[in-house]
């Protein structure tokens, strides 16, 4: 079994859902009901502006953590920009678009960048 088909961390996924507000506008938000899932998470290095944000004058009061999250290939959902992940008791937001790796069938997978501010 490939590492792409296993996850070692328990997470709760709150996929993006479309809702209609009281004015009739369709908006997206994280769903209120989470989906338990297994995932692999790796810390992602930061450079440039992201790294400098940690060194601003509010040092010690705010921080930014960035991880890469990958679900087993059997995970049936694609996550949108409003999706959230609960991991180790903290909420993380999906940042940016999914990253698709499509070089071969054996190594094809999708991963996401998640952030906590």
PDB file of N, CA and C in Angstrom:
ATOM      1  N   UNK A   1       0.847  -1.178   0.000  1.00  0.00           N
ATOM      2  CA  UNK A   1       0.000   0.000   0.000  1.00  0.00           C
ATOM      3  C   UNK A   1       0.892   1.241   0.000  1.00  0.00           C
ATOM      4  N   UNK A   2       0.571   2.167  -0.829  1.00  0.00           N
ATOM      5  CA  UNK A   2       1.341   3.388  -0.997  1.00  0.00           C
ATOM      6  C   UNK A   2       1.098   4.359   0.153  1.00  0.00           C
ATOM      7  N   UNK A   3       2.091   5.186   0.439  1.00  0.00           N
ATOM      8  CA  UNK A   3       1.897   6.255   1.414  1.00  0.00           C
ATOM      9  C   UNK A   3       0.828   7.240   0.946  1.00  0.00           C
ATOM     10  N   UNK A   4       0.570   7.272  -0.350  1.00  0.00           N
ATOM     11  CA  UNK A   4      -0.468   8.153  -0.876  1.00  0.00           C
ATOM     12  C   UNK A   4      -1.866   7.646  -0.540  1.00  0.00           C
ATOM     13  N   UNK A   5      -1.961   6.425  -0.038  1.00  0.00           N
ATOM     14  CA  UNK A   5      -3.260   5.840   0.282  1.00  0.00           C
ATOM     15  C   UNK A   5      -3.494   5.713   1.779  1.00  0.00           C
ATOM     16  N   UNK A   6      -2.631   6.315   2.581  1.00  0.00           N
ATOM     17  CA  UNK A   6      -2.768   6.237   4.040  1.00  0.00           C
ATOM     18  C   UNK A   6      -2.674   7.633   4.636  1.00  0.00           C
ATOM     19  N   UNK A   7      -3.246   7.765   5.791  1.00  0.00           N
ATOM     20  CA  UNK A   7      -3.111   8.987   6.565  1.00  0.00           C
ATOM     21  C   UNK A   7      -2.841   8.607   8.001  1.00  0.00           C
ATOM     22  N   UNK A   8      -2.058   9.406   8.699  1.00  0.00           N
ATOM     23  CA  UNK A   8      -1.715   9.062  10.076  1.00  0.00           C
ATOM     24  C   UNK A   8      -2.373   9.985  11.100  1.00  0.00           C
ATOM     25  N   UNK A   9      -2.967  11.067  10.646  1.00  0.00           N
ATOM     26  CA  UNK A   9      -3.577  12.037  11.562  1.00  0.00           C
ATOM     27  C   UNK A   9      -5.090  12.053  11.392  1.00  0.00           C
ATOM     28  N   UNK A  10      -5.787  12.135  12.514  1.00  0.00           N
ATOM     29  CA  UNK A  10      -7.247  12.276  12.498  1.00  0.00           C
ATOM     30  C   UNK A  10      -7.583  13.755  12.336  1.00  0.00           C
ATOM     31  N   UNK A  11      -8.402  14.084  11.359  1.00  0.00           N
ATOM     32  CA  UNK A  11      -8.847  15.455  11.142  1.00  0.00           C
ATOM     33  C   UNK A  11     -10.356  15.454  10.918  1.00  0.00           C
ATOM     34  N   UNK A  12     -10.939  16.625  11.029  1.00  0.00           N
ATOM     35  CA  UNK A  12     -12.340  16.810  10.666  1.00  0.00           C
ATOM     36  C   UNK A  12     -12.363  17.845   9.553  1.00  0.00           C
ATOM     37  N   UNK A  13     -12.977  17.496   8.443  1.00  0.00           N
ATOM     38  CA  UNK A  13     -13.021  18.355   7.263  1.00  0.00           C
ATOM     39  C   UNK A  13     -14.386  19.033   7.200  1.00  0.00           C
ATOM     40  N   UNK A  14     -14.371  20.344   7.051  1.00  0.00           N
ATOM     41  CA  UNK A  14     -15.587  21.124   6.867  1.00  0.00           C
ATOM     42  C   UNK A  14     -15.563  21.656   5.435  1.00  0.00           C
ATOM     43  N   UNK A  15     -16.140  20.899   4.489  1.00  0.00           N
ATOM     44  CA  UNK A  15     -16.064  21.310   3.081  1.00  0.00           C
ATOM     45  C   UNK A  15     -16.832  22.607   2.827  1.00  0.00           C
ATOM     46  N   UNK A  16     -16.510  23.214   1.713  1.00  0.00           N
ATOM     47  CA  UNK A  16     -17.205  24.433   1.306  1.00  0.00           C
ATOM     48  C   UNK A  16     -18.632  24.088   0.890  1.00  0.00           C
ATOM     49  N   UNK A  17     -19.583  24.930   1.297  1.00  0.00           N
ATOM     50  CA  UNK A  17     -20.965  24.749   0.872  1.00  0.00           C
ATOM     51  C   UNK A  17     -21.529  26.091   0.425  1.00  0.00           C
ATOM     52  N   UNK A  18     -22.494  26.048  -0.468  1.00  0.00           N
ATOM     53  CA  UNK A  18     -23.154  27.260  -0.948  1.00  0.00           C
ATOM     54  C   UNK A  18     -24.443  27.455  -0.166  1.00  0.00           C
ATOM     55  N   UNK A  19     -24.663  28.674   0.297  1.00  0.00           N
ATOM     56  CA  UNK A  19     -25.882  29.019   1.024  1.00  0.00           C
ATOM     57  C   UNK A  19     -26.452  30.307   0.435  1.00  0.00           C
ATOM     58  N   UNK A  20     -27.738  30.487   0.600  1.00  0.00           N
ATOM     59  CA  UNK A  20     -28.392  31.710   0.144  1.00  0.00           C
ATOM     60  C   UNK A  20     -28.702  32.564   1.360  1.00  0.00           C
ATOM     61  N   UNK A  21     -28.224  33.817   1.362  1.00  0.00           N
ATOM     62  CA  UNK A  21     -28.485  34.692   2.503  1.00  0.00           C
ATOM     63  C   UNK A  21     -29.884  35.301   2.404  1.00  0.00           C
ATOM     64  N   UNK A  22     -30.240  36.110   3.393  1.00  0.00           N
ATOM     65  CA  UNK A  22     -31.607  36.649   3.452  1.00  0.00           C
ATOM     66  C   UNK A  22     -31.937  37.582   2.293  1.00  0.00           C
ATOM     67  N   UNK A  23     -30.908  38.093   1.600  1.00  0.00           N
ATOM     68  CA  UNK A  23     -31.129  38.961   0.439  1.00  0.00           C
ATOM     69  C   UNK A  23     -31.173  38.186  -0.868  1.00  0.00           C
ATOM     70  N   UNK A  24     -31.019  36.871  -0.805  1.00  0.00           N
ATOM     71  CA  UNK A  24     -31.062  36.046  -2.002  1.00  0.00           C
ATOM     72  C   UNK A  24     -29.721  35.848  -2.682  1.00  0.00           C
ATOM     73  N   UNK A  25     -28.645  36.315  -2.059  1.00  0.00           N
ATOM     74  CA  UNK A  25     -27.306  36.140  -2.625  1.00  0.00           C
ATOM     75  C   UNK A  25     -26.757  34.767  -2.269  1.00  0.00           C
ATOM     76  N   UNK A  26     -26.134  34.118  -3.226  1.00  0.00           N
ATOM     77  CA  UNK A  26     -25.506  32.821  -2.972  1.00  0.00           C
ATOM     78  C   UNK A  26     -24.076  33.077  -2.519  1.00  0.00           C
ATOM     79  N   UNK A  27     -23.745  32.532  -1.356  1.00  0.00           N
ATOM     80  CA  UNK A  27     -22.407  32.710  -0.776  1.00  0.00           C
ATOM     81  C   UNK A  27     -21.846  31.350  -0.401  1.00  0.00           C
ATOM     82  N   UNK A  28     -20.546  31.292  -0.272  1.00  0.00           N
ATOM     83  CA  UNK A  28     -19.922  30.042   0.169  1.00  0.00           C
ATOM     84  C   UNK A  28     -19.401  30.221   1.584  1.00  0.00           C
ATOM     85  N   UNK A  29     -19.359  29.109   2.304  1.00  0.00           N
ATOM     86  CA  UNK A  29     -18.863  29.096   3.683  1.00  0.00           C
ATOM     87  C   UNK A  29     -18.477  27.667   4.019  1.00  0.00           C
ATOM     88  N   UNK A  30     -17.735  27.474   5.118  1.00  0.00           N
ATOM     89  CA  UNK A  30     -17.468  26.101   5.546  1.00  0.00           C
ATOM     90  C   UNK A  30     -18.762  25.475   6.056  1.00  0.00           C
ATOM     91  N   UNK A  31     -18.953  24.206   5.783  1.00  0.00           N
ATOM     92  CA  UNK A  31     -20.166  23.541   6.259  1.00  0.00           C
ATOM     93  C   UNK A  31     -20.171  23.499   7.779  1.00  0.00           C
ATOM     94  N   UNK A  32     -21.339  23.411   8.342  1.00  0.00           N
ATOM     95  CA  UNK A  32     -21.464  23.354   9.798  1.00  0.00           C
ATOM     96  C   UNK A  32     -21.217  21.948  10.328  1.00  0.00           C
ATOM     97  N   UNK A  33     -21.324  20.958   9.453  1.00  0.00           N
ATOM     98  CA  UNK A  33     -21.124  19.564   9.846  1.00  0.00           C
ATOM     99  C   UNK A  33     -19.806  19.074   9.249  1.00  0.00           C
ATOM    100  N   UNK A  34     -18.949  18.541  10.106  1.00  0.00           N
ATOM    101  CA  UNK A  34     -17.649  18.065   9.651  1.00  0.00           C
ATOM    102  C   UNK A  34     -17.659  16.602   9.252  1.00  0.00           C
ATOM    103  N   UNK A  35     -16.667  16.242   8.452  1.00  0.00           N
ATOM    104  CA  UNK A  35     -16.488  14.871   7.986  1.00  0.00           C
ATOM    105  C   UNK A  35     -15.186  14.342   8.584  1.00  0.00           C
ATOM    106  N   UNK A  36     -15.230  13.308   9.425  1.00  0.00           N
ATOM    107  CA  UNK A  36     -13.984  12.742   9.946  1.00  0.00           C
ATOM    108  C   UNK A  36     -13.168  12.121   8.812  1.00  0.00           C
ATOM    109  N   UNK A  37     -11.858  12.314   8.861  1.00  0.00           N
ATOM    110  CA  UNK A  37     -10.981  11.772   7.819  1.00  0.00           C
ATOM    111  C   UNK A  37      -9.587  11.560   8.388  1.00  0.00           C
ATOM    112  N   UNK A  38      -8.811  10.783   7.672  1.00  0.00           N
ATOM    113  CA  UNK A  38      -7.387  10.604   7.983  1.00  0.00           C
ATOM    114  C   UNK A  38      -6.604  11.407   6.959  1.00  0.00           C
ATOM    115  N   UNK A  39      -5.471  11.961   7.369  1.00  0.00           N
ATOM    116  CA  UNK A  39      -4.664  12.763   6.451  1.00  0.00           C
ATOM    117  C   UNK A  39      -3.206  12.726   6.886  1.00  0.00           C
ATOM    118  N   UNK A  40      -2.342  13.088   5.964  1.00  0.00           N
ATOM    119  CA  UNK A  40      -0.926  13.305   6.256  1.00  0.00           C
ATOM    120  C   UNK A  40      -0.685  14.803   6.228  1.00  0.00           C
ATOM    121  N   UNK A  41       0.021  15.306   7.212  1.00  0.00           N
ATOM    122  CA  UNK A  41       0.337  16.727   7.268  1.00  0.00           C
ATOM    123  C   UNK A  41       1.842  16.903   7.387  1.00  0.00           C
ATOM    124  N   UNK A  42       2.362  17.898   6.676  1.00  0.00           N
ATOM    125  CA  UNK A  42       3.784  18.222   6.738  1.00  0.00           C
ATOM    126  C   UNK A  42       3.916  19.725   6.872  1.00  0.00           C
ATOM    127  N   UNK A  43       4.830  20.149   7.728  1.00  0.00           N
ATOM    128  CA  UNK A  43       5.083  21.580   7.842  1.00  0.00           C
ATOM    129  C   UNK A  43       5.632  22.073   6.510  1.00  0.00           C
ATOM    130  N   UNK A  44       5.216  23.254   6.126  1.00  0.00           N
ATOM    131  CA  UNK A  44       5.669  23.817   4.862  1.00  0.00           C
ATOM    132  C   UNK A  44       6.557  25.014   5.158  1.00  0.00           C
ATOM    133  N   UNK A  45       7.736  25.028   4.564  1.00  0.00           N
ATOM    134  CA  UNK A  45       8.659  26.142   4.747  1.00  0.00           C
ATOM    135  C   UNK A  45       8.088  27.423   4.172  1.00  0.00           C
ATOM    136  N   UNK A  46       8.456  28.532   4.795  1.00  0.00           N
ATOM    137  CA  UNK A  46       7.980  29.826   4.331  1.00  0.00           C
ATOM    138  C   UNK A  46       9.169  30.697   3.970  1.00  0.00           C
ATOM    139  N   UNK A  47       8.967  31.526   2.999  1.00  0.00           N
ATOM    140  CA  UNK A  47      10.008  32.478   2.636  1.00  0.00           C
ATOM    141  C   UNK A  47       9.347  33.776   2.224  1.00  0.00           C
ATOM    142  N   UNK A  48      10.120  34.800   2.121  1.00  0.00           N
ATOM    143  CA  UNK A  48       9.585  36.073   1.649  1.00  0.00           C
ATOM    144  C   UNK A  48       8.614  36.700   2.620  1.00  0.00           C
ATOM    145  N   UNK A  49       7.528  37.208   2.099  1.00  0.00           N
ATOM    146  CA  UNK A  49       6.562  37.968   2.884  1.00  0.00           C
ATOM    147  C   UNK A  49       5.980  37.155   4.032  1.00  0.00           C
ATOM    148  N   UNK A  50       5.674  35.892   3.804  1.00  0.00           N
ATOM    149  CA  UNK A  50       5.092  35.064   4.867  1.00  0.00           C
ATOM    150  C   UNK A  50       6.023  34.968   6.060  1.00  0.00           C
ATOM    151  N   UNK A  51       7.301  34.759   5.806  1.00  0.00           N
ATOM    152  CA  UNK A  51       8.262  34.650   6.899  1.00  0.00           C
ATOM    153  C   UNK A  51       8.431  35.989   7.607  1.00  0.00           C
ATOM    154  N   UNK A  52       8.435  37.079   6.870  1.00  0.00           N
ATOM    155  CA  UNK A  52       8.602  38.396   7.489  1.00  0.00           C
ATOM    156  C   UNK A  52       7.414  38.767   8.359  1.00  0.00           C
ATOM    157  N   UNK A  53       6.232  38.266   8.031  1.00  0.00           N
ATOM    158  CA  UNK A  53       5.060  38.574   8.852  1.00  0.00           C
ATOM    159  C   UNK A  53       5.259  38.110  10.281  1.00  0.00           C
ATOM    160  N   UNK A  54       6.025  37.046  10.462  1.00  0.00           N
ATOM    161  CA  UNK A  54       6.254  36.537  11.811  1.00  0.00           C
ATOM    162  C   UNK A  54       7.204  37.423  12.597  1.00  0.00           C
ATOM    163  N   UNK A  55       7.948  38.279  11.914  1.00  0.00           N
ATOM    164  CA  UNK A  55       8.947  39.120  12.576  1.00  0.00           C
ATOM    165  C   UNK A  55       8.479  40.551  12.766  1.00  0.00           C
ATOM    166  N   UNK A  56       7.205  40.815  12.638  1.00  0.00           N
ATOM    167  CA  UNK A  56       6.711  42.177  12.776  1.00  0.00           C
ATOM    168  C   UNK A  56       6.680  42.584  14.237  1.00  0.00           C
ATOM    169  N   UNK A  57       6.284  43.827  14.476  1.00  0.00           N
ATOM    170  CA  UNK A  57       6.334  44.385  15.825  1.00  0.00           C
ATOM    171  C   UNK A  57       5.365  43.730  16.809  1.00  0.00           C
ATOM    172  N   UNK A  58       4.440  42.953  16.345  1.00  0.00           N
ATOM    173  CA  UNK A  58       3.520  42.270  17.256  1.00  0.00           C
ATOM    174  C   UNK A  58       4.026  40.864  17.582  1.00  0.00           C
ATOM    175  N   UNK A  59       5.320  40.725  17.590  1.00  0.00           N
ATOM    176  CA  UNK A  59       5.960  39.436  17.841  1.00  0.00           C
ATOM    177  C   UNK A  59       5.485  38.847  19.168  1.00  0.00           C
ATOM    178  N   UNK A  60       5.142  37.603  19.137  1.00  0.00           N
ATOM    179  CA  UNK A  60       4.684  36.922  20.334  1.00  0.00           C
ATOM    180  C   UNK A  60       3.178  36.942  20.510  1.00  0.00           C
ATOM    181  N   UNK A  61       2.507  37.834  19.819  1.00  0.00           N
ATOM    182  CA  UNK A  61       1.060  37.938  19.944  1.00  0.00           C
ATOM    183  C   UNK A  61       0.333  37.282  18.786  1.00  0.00           C
ATOM    184  N   UNK A  62       0.945  37.292  17.623  1.00  0.00           N
ATOM    185  CA  UNK A  62       0.351  36.673  16.447  1.00  0.00           C
ATOM    186  C   UNK A  62       1.394  35.798  15.782  1.00  0.00           C
ATOM    187  N   UNK A  63       0.951  34.744  15.209  1.00  0.00           N
ATOM    188  CA  UNK A  63       1.854  33.877  14.467  1.00  0.00           C
ATOM    189  C   UNK A  63       1.118  33.264  13.302  1.00  0.00           C
ATOM    190  N   UNK A  64       1.870  32.726  12.386  1.00  0.00           N
ATOM    191  CA  UNK A  64       1.260  32.101  11.221  1.00  0.00           C
ATOM    192  C   UNK A  64       1.944  30.762  11.009  1.00  0.00           C
ATOM    193  N   UNK A  65       1.178  29.717  10.968  1.00  0.00           N
ATOM    194  CA  UNK A  65       1.699  28.382  10.695  1.00  0.00           C
ATOM    195  C   UNK A  65       1.131  27.903   9.378  1.00  0.00           C
ATOM    196  N   UNK A  66       1.947  27.221   8.597  1.00  0.00           N
ATOM    197  CA  UNK A  66       1.521  26.730   7.292  1.00  0.00           C
ATOM    198  C   UNK A  66       1.888  25.258   7.180  1.00  0.00           C
ATOM    199  N   UNK A  67       0.921  24.432   6.800  1.00  0.00           N
ATOM    200  CA  UNK A  67       1.138  23.003   6.593  1.00  0.00           C
ATOM    201  C   UNK A  67       0.603  22.598   5.230  1.00  0.00           C
ATOM    202  N   UNK A  68       1.120  21.507   4.743  1.00  0.00           N
ATOM    203  CA  UNK A  68       0.587  20.868   3.546  1.00  0.00           C
ATOM    204  C   UNK A  68      -0.202  19.659   4.034  1.00  0.00           C
ATOM    205  N   UNK A  69      -1.418  19.483   3.534  1.00  0.00           N
ATOM    206  CA  UNK A  69      -2.255  18.358   3.945  1.00  0.00           C
ATOM    207  C   UNK A  69      -2.608  17.525   2.714  1.00  0.00           C
ATOM    208  N   UNK A  70      -2.508  16.216   2.886  1.00  0.00           N
ATOM    209  CA  UNK A  70      -2.839  15.288   1.792  1.00  0.00           C
ATOM    210  C   UNK A  70      -3.729  14.189   2.355  1.00  0.00           C
ATOM    211  N   UNK A  71      -4.842  13.978   1.689  1.00  0.00           N
ATOM    212  CA  UNK A  71      -5.771  12.923   2.066  1.00  0.00           C
ATOM    213  C   UNK A  71      -5.473  11.685   1.238  1.00  0.00           C
ATOM    214  N   UNK A  72      -5.879  10.499   1.707  1.00  0.00           N
ATOM    215  CA  UNK A  72      -5.734   9.299   0.862  1.00  0.00           C
ATOM    216  C   UNK A  72      -6.449   9.512  -0.471  1.00  0.00           C
ATOM    217  N   UNK A  73      -5.968   8.847  -1.483  1.00  0.00           N
ATOM    218  CA  UNK A  73      -6.560   9.036  -2.812  1.00  0.00           C
ATOM    219  C   UNK A  73      -8.023   8.608  -2.861  1.00  0.00           C
ATOM    220  N   UNK A  74      -8.458   7.830  -1.890  1.00  0.00           N
ATOM    221  CA  UNK A  74      -9.864   7.414  -1.838  1.00  0.00           C
ATOM    222  C   UNK A  74     -10.780   8.508  -1.274  1.00  0.00           C
ATOM    223  N   UNK A  75     -10.214   9.595  -0.761  1.00  0.00           N
ATOM    224  CA  UNK A  75     -11.018  10.692  -0.209  1.00  0.00           C
ATOM    225  C   UNK A  75     -11.862  11.286  -1.333  1.00  0.00           C
ATOM    226  N   UNK A  76     -13.195  11.291  -1.201  1.00  0.00           N
ATOM    227  CA  UNK A  76     -14.054  11.618  -2.347  1.00  0.00           C
ATOM    228  C   UNK A  76     -14.319  13.107  -2.577  1.00  0.00           C
ATOM    229  N   UNK A  77     -13.775  13.987  -1.747  1.00  0.00           N
ATOM    230  CA  UNK A  77     -14.125  15.406  -1.834  1.00  0.00           C
ATOM    231  C   UNK A  77     -12.964  16.243  -2.368  1.00  0.00           C
ATOM    232  N   UNK A  78     -13.289  17.267  -3.145  1.00  0.00           N
ATOM    233  CA  UNK A  78     -12.333  18.315  -3.491  1.00  0.00           C
ATOM    234  C   UNK A  78     -12.691  19.518  -2.636  1.00  0.00           C
ATOM    235  N   UNK A  79     -11.700  20.113  -1.994  1.00  0.00           N
ATOM    236  CA  UNK A  79     -11.973  21.206  -1.071  1.00  0.00           C
ATOM    237  C   UNK A  79     -11.851  22.552  -1.762  1.00  0.00           C
ATOM    238  N   UNK A  80     -12.782  23.441  -1.466  1.00  0.00           N
ATOM    239  CA  UNK A  80     -12.754  24.793  -1.999  1.00  0.00           C
ATOM    240  C   UNK A  80     -12.070  25.747  -1.036  1.00  0.00           C
ATOM    241  N   UNK A  81     -11.985  26.994  -1.439  1.00  0.00           N
ATOM    242  CA  UNK A  81     -11.255  28.003  -0.672  1.00  0.00           C
ATOM    243  C   UNK A  81     -11.910  28.334   0.672  1.00  0.00           C
ATOM    244  N   UNK A  82     -13.175  28.025   0.847  1.00  0.00           N
ATOM    245  CA  UNK A  82     -13.849  28.296   2.114  1.00  0.00           C
ATOM    246  C   UNK A  82     -13.832  27.095   3.059  1.00  0.00           C
ATOM    247  N   UNK A  83     -13.248  26.001   2.640  1.00  0.00           N
ATOM    248  CA  UNK A  83     -13.197  24.804   3.486  1.00  0.00           C
ATOM    249  C   UNK A  83     -12.286  25.051   4.685  1.00  0.00           C
ATOM    250  N   UNK A  84     -12.553  24.335   5.752  1.00  0.00           N
ATOM    251  CA  UNK A  84     -11.715  24.404   6.947  1.00  0.00           C
ATOM    252  C   UNK A  84     -11.412  22.995   7.429  1.00  0.00           C
ATOM    253  N   UNK A  85     -10.311  22.889   8.162  1.00  0.00           N
ATOM    254  CA  UNK A  85      -9.854  21.621   8.725  1.00  0.00           C
ATOM    255  C   UNK A  85      -9.712  21.807  10.227  1.00  0.00           C
ATOM    256  N   UNK A  86     -10.219  20.851  10.994  1.00  0.00           N
ATOM    257  CA  UNK A  86      -9.944  20.849  12.429  1.00  0.00           C
ATOM    258  C   UNK A  86      -8.910  19.768  12.680  1.00  0.00           C
ATOM    259  N   UNK A  87      -7.789  20.173  13.267  1.00  0.00           N
ATOM    260  CA  UNK A  87      -6.682  19.249  13.514  1.00  0.00           C
ATOM    261  C   UNK A  87      -6.100  19.565  14.879  1.00  0.00           C
ATOM    262  N   UNK A  88      -6.034  18.552  15.723  1.00  0.00           N
ATOM    263  CA  UNK A  88      -5.507  18.692  17.081  1.00  0.00           C
ATOM    264  C   UNK A  88      -6.189  19.822  17.847  1.00  0.00           C
ATOM    265  N   UNK A  89      -7.507  19.916  17.655  1.00  0.00           N
ATOM    266  CA  UNK A  89      -8.297  20.882  18.406  1.00  0.00           C
ATOM    267  C   UNK A  89      -8.269  22.302  17.881  1.00  0.00           C
ATOM    268  N   UNK A  90      -7.605  22.544  16.757  1.00  0.00           N
ATOM    269  CA  UNK A  90      -7.529  23.891  16.198  1.00  0.00           C
ATOM    270  C   UNK A  90      -8.104  23.914  14.793  1.00  0.00           C
ATOM    271  N   UNK A  91      -8.701  25.054  14.427  1.00  0.00           N
ATOM    272  CA  UNK A  91      -9.252  25.227  13.082  1.00  0.00           C
ATOM    273  C   UNK A  91      -8.182  25.813  12.171  1.00  0.00           C
ATOM    274  N   UNK A  92      -8.089  25.245  10.978  1.00  0.00           N
ATOM    275  CA  UNK A  92      -7.164  25.680   9.942  1.00  0.00           C
ATOM    276  C   UNK A  92      -7.976  26.015   8.708  1.00  0.00           C
ATOM    277  N   UNK A  93      -7.523  26.985   7.926  1.00  0.00           N
ATOM    278  CA  UNK A  93      -8.222  27.365   6.700  1.00  0.00           C
ATOM    279  C   UNK A  93      -7.444  26.859   5.495  1.00  0.00           C
ATOM    280  N   UNK A  94      -8.169  26.468   4.468  1.00  0.00           N
ATOM    281  CA  UNK A  94      -7.536  26.072   3.209  1.00  0.00           C
ATOM    282  C   UNK A  94      -7.092  27.351   2.517  1.00  0.00           C
ATOM    283  N   UNK A  95      -5.843  27.369   2.081  1.00  0.00           N
ATOM    284  CA  UNK A  95      -5.264  28.560   1.463  1.00  0.00           C
ATOM    285  C   UNK A  95      -4.941  28.261   0.004  1.00  0.00           C
ATOM    286  N   UNK A  96      -5.548  28.987  -0.887  1.00  0.00           N
ATOM    287  CA  UNK A  96      -5.263  28.799  -2.309  1.00  0.00           C
ATOM    288  C   UNK A  96      -6.028  27.632  -2.907  1.00  0.00           C
ATOM    289  N   UNK A  97      -5.621  27.280  -4.109  1.00  0.00           N
ATOM    290  CA  UNK A  97      -6.266  26.205  -4.859  1.00  0.00           C
ATOM    291  C   UNK A  97      -5.608  24.865  -4.557  1.00  0.00           C
ATOM    292  N   UNK A  98      -6.295  23.763  -4.868  1.00  0.00           N
ATOM    293  CA  UNK A  98      -5.669  22.441  -4.709  1.00  0.00           C
ATOM    294  C   UNK A  98      -4.435  22.318  -5.603  1.00  0.00           C
ATOM    295  N   UNK A  99      -3.472  21.540  -5.153  1.00  0.00           N
ATOM    296  CA  UNK A  99      -2.281  21.229  -5.950  1.00  0.00           C
ATOM    297  C   UNK A  99      -2.465  19.833  -6.518  1.00  0.00           C
ATOM    298  N   UNK A 100      -2.482  19.729  -7.836  1.00  0.00           N
ATOM    299  CA  UNK A 100      -2.691  18.451  -8.511  1.00  0.00           C
ATOM    300  C   UNK A 100      -1.350  17.904  -8.976  1.00  0.00           C
ATOM    301  N   UNK A 101      -1.066  16.659  -8.618  1.00  0.00           N
ATOM    302  CA  UNK A 101       0.137  15.962  -9.077  1.00  0.00           C
ATOM    303  C   UNK A 101      -0.333  14.851 -10.010  1.00  0.00           C
ATOM    304  N   UNK A 102       0.005  14.965 -11.294  1.00  0.00           N
ATOM    305  CA  UNK A 102      -0.581  14.075 -12.299  1.00  0.00           C
ATOM    306  C   UNK A 102       0.458  13.383 -13.170  1.00  0.00           C
ATOM    307  N   UNK A 103       1.686  13.226 -12.688  1.00  0.00           N
ATOM    308  CA  UNK A 103       2.732  12.648 -13.533  1.00  0.00           C
ATOM    309  C   UNK A 103       2.480  11.199 -13.907  1.00  0.00           C
ATOM    310  N   UNK A 104       1.961  10.417 -12.991  1.00  0.00           N
ATOM    311  CA  UNK A 104       1.666   9.022 -13.310  1.00  0.00           C
ATOM    312  C   UNK A 104       0.477   8.563 -12.475  1.00  0.00           C
ATOM    313  N   UNK A 105      -0.143   7.459 -12.874  1.00  0.00           N
ATOM    314  CA  UNK A 105      -1.275   6.936 -12.098  1.00  0.00           C
ATOM    315  C   UNK A 105      -0.841   6.528 -10.702  1.00  0.00           C
ATOM    316  N   UNK A 106       0.362   6.003 -10.582  1.00  0.00           N
ATOM    317  CA  UNK A 106       0.814   5.516  -9.272  1.00  0.00           C
ATOM    318  C   UNK A 106       1.124   6.633  -8.287  1.00  0.00           C
ATOM    319  N   UNK A 107       1.501   7.787  -8.797  1.00  0.00           N
ATOM    320  CA  UNK A 107       1.854   8.883  -7.889  1.00  0.00           C
ATOM    321  C   UNK A 107       0.870  10.050  -7.942  1.00  0.00           C
ATOM    322  N   UNK A 108      -0.187   9.932  -8.712  1.00  0.00           N
ATOM    323  CA  UNK A 108      -1.159  11.023  -8.813  1.00  0.00           C
ATOM    324  C   UNK A 108      -1.851  11.242  -7.466  1.00  0.00           C
ATOM    325  N   UNK A 109      -1.962  12.497  -7.070  1.00  0.00           N
ATOM    326  CA  UNK A 109      -2.658  12.849  -5.837  1.00  0.00           C
ATOM    327  C   UNK A 109      -2.953  14.347  -5.827  1.00  0.00           C
ATOM    328  N   UNK A 110      -3.699  14.767  -4.826  1.00  0.00           N
ATOM    329  CA  UNK A 110      -4.050  16.172  -4.639  1.00  0.00           C
ATOM    330  C   UNK A 110      -3.661  16.543  -3.223  1.00  0.00           C
ATOM    331  N   UNK A 111      -3.048  17.712  -3.053  1.00  0.00           N
ATOM    332  CA  UNK A 111      -2.835  18.204  -1.695  1.00  0.00           C
ATOM    333  C   UNK A 111      -3.222  19.671  -1.604  1.00  0.00           C
ATOM    334  N   UNK A 112      -3.268  20.157  -0.373  1.00  0.00           N
ATOM    335  CA  UNK A 112      -3.741  21.508  -0.094  1.00  0.00           C
ATOM    336  C   UNK A 112      -2.773  22.173   0.868  1.00  0.00           C
ATOM    337  N   UNK A 113      -2.779  23.487   0.857  1.00  0.00           N
ATOM    338  CA  UNK A 113      -2.044  24.264   1.848  1.00  0.00           C
ATOM    339  C   UNK A 113      -3.060  24.758   2.865  1.00  0.00           C
ATOM    340  N   UNK A 114      -2.739  24.583   4.149  1.00  0.00           N
ATOM    341  CA  UNK A 114      -3.625  25.083   5.200  1.00  0.00           C
ATOM    342  C   UNK A 114      -2.838  26.041   6.087  1.00  0.00           C
ATOM    343  N   UNK A 115      -3.543  27.026   6.620  1.00  0.00           N
ATOM    344  CA  UNK A 115      -2.915  28.036   7.474  1.00  0.00           C
ATOM    345  C   UNK A 115      -3.724  28.227   8.741  1.00  0.00           C
ATOM    346  N   UNK A 116      -3.000  28.623   9.772  1.00  0.00           N
ATOM    347  CA  UNK A 116      -3.626  29.061  11.028  1.00  0.00           C
ATOM    348  C   UNK A 116      -2.977  30.388  11.379  1.00  0.00           C
ATOM    349  N   UNK A 117      -3.801  31.383  11.586  1.00  0.00           N
ATOM    350  CA  UNK A 117      -3.278  32.725  11.877  1.00  0.00           C
ATOM    351  C   UNK A 117      -3.255  32.978  13.360  1.00  0.00           C
TER     352      UNK A 117
END
